[in-house]
């Protein structure tokens, strides 16, 4: 999936879906780190990809929470 398509998909999610997606990606990341420590990781590049996806999801979640705060202030 291309980055722009992935970002559109992430931005279309509501906050609870974003939280669930973050948790799922973090769990997968933890499993891959364990596989790396054991030495049986199939795709080492997936670690870097997952880290970036988690960061993107956190960024989108932060943007949403700030939008909510700005609406309350006005």
Protein backbone atom coordinates (compact mmCIF):
# COMPACT_ATOMS: atom_id res chain seq x y z
CA UNK A 1 0.00 0.00 0.00
CA UNK A 2 1.35 3.41 -0.90
CA UNK A 3 1.99 5.97 1.79
CA UNK A 4 -0.70 8.42 0.63
CA UNK A 5 -3.32 5.68 0.54
CA UNK A 6 -2.28 4.51 3.98
CA UNK A 7 -2.48 8.04 5.41
CA UNK A 8 -5.96 8.52 3.93
CA UNK A 9 -7.04 5.26 5.52
CA UNK A 10 -5.59 6.29 8.90
CA UNK A 11 -7.20 9.74 8.74
CA UNK A 12 -10.59 8.18 7.99
CA UNK A 13 -10.52 6.25 11.28
CA UNK A 14 -12.18 7.49 14.44
CA UNK A 15 -10.24 7.80 17.70
CA UNK A 16 -11.17 4.38 19.06
CA UNK A 17 -10.12 2.73 15.80
CA UNK A 18 -6.84 4.66 15.88
CA UNK A 19 -6.18 3.48 19.43
CA UNK A 20 -6.93 -0.12 18.46
CA UNK A 21 -4.67 0.13 15.41
CA UNK A 22 -1.84 1.61 17.49
CA UNK A 23 -2.16 -1.24 20.01
CA UNK A 24 -2.15 -3.86 17.25
CA UNK A 25 0.91 -2.38 15.56
CA UNK A 26 2.77 -2.11 18.88
CA UNK A 27 1.99 -5.73 19.67
CA UNK A 28 3.29 -6.82 16.26
CA UNK A 29 6.40 -4.69 16.80
CA UNK A 30 7.01 -6.35 20.16
CA UNK A 31 6.73 -9.81 18.58
CA UNK A 32 9.15 -8.85 15.82
CA UNK A 33 11.65 -7.49 18.33
CA UNK A 34 11.50 -10.78 20.18
CA UNK A 35 12.06 -12.69 16.93
CA UNK A 36 15.02 -10.44 16.17
CA UNK A 37 16.53 -11.16 19.58
CA UNK A 38 16.15 -14.89 19.02
CA UNK A 39 17.54 -14.53 15.50
CA UNK A 40 14.63 -15.90 13.52
CA UNK A 41 13.16 -12.76 11.97
CA UNK A 42 11.92 -13.25 8.41
CA UNK A 43 11.67 -9.63 7.29
CA UNK A 44 13.91 -7.26 9.28
CA UNK A 45 12.74 -4.22 7.28
CA UNK A 46 9.26 -4.68 8.76
CA UNK A 47 10.59 -3.40 12.11
CA UNK A 48 11.42 0.00 10.66
CA UNK A 49 8.14 0.14 8.75
CA UNK A 50 6.11 -0.65 11.86
CA UNK A 51 7.93 1.98 13.93
CA UNK A 52 7.11 4.60 11.33
CA UNK A 53 3.47 3.51 11.09
CA UNK A 54 3.07 3.74 14.87
CA UNK A 55 4.58 7.23 14.79
CA UNK A 56 2.21 8.28 12.00
CA UNK A 57 -0.78 6.94 13.92
CA UNK A 58 0.31 8.83 17.04
CA UNK A 59 0.69 12.01 14.99
CA UNK A 60 -2.81 11.71 13.56
CA UNK A 61 -4.21 11.00 17.03
CA UNK A 62 -2.45 14.09 18.43
CA UNK A 63 -3.77 16.24 15.59
CA UNK A 64 -7.30 15.10 16.37
CA UNK A 65 -6.98 15.76 20.08
CA UNK A 66 -5.60 19.25 19.41
CA UNK A 67 -8.48 19.98 17.04
CA UNK A 68 -10.86 19.05 19.85
CA UNK A 69 -9.08 21.33 22.29
CA UNK A 70 -9.13 24.25 19.87
CA UNK A 71 -12.87 23.83 19.37
CA UNK A 72 -13.43 23.90 23.15
CA UNK A 73 -11.35 27.06 23.58
CA UNK A 74 -13.21 29.03 20.91
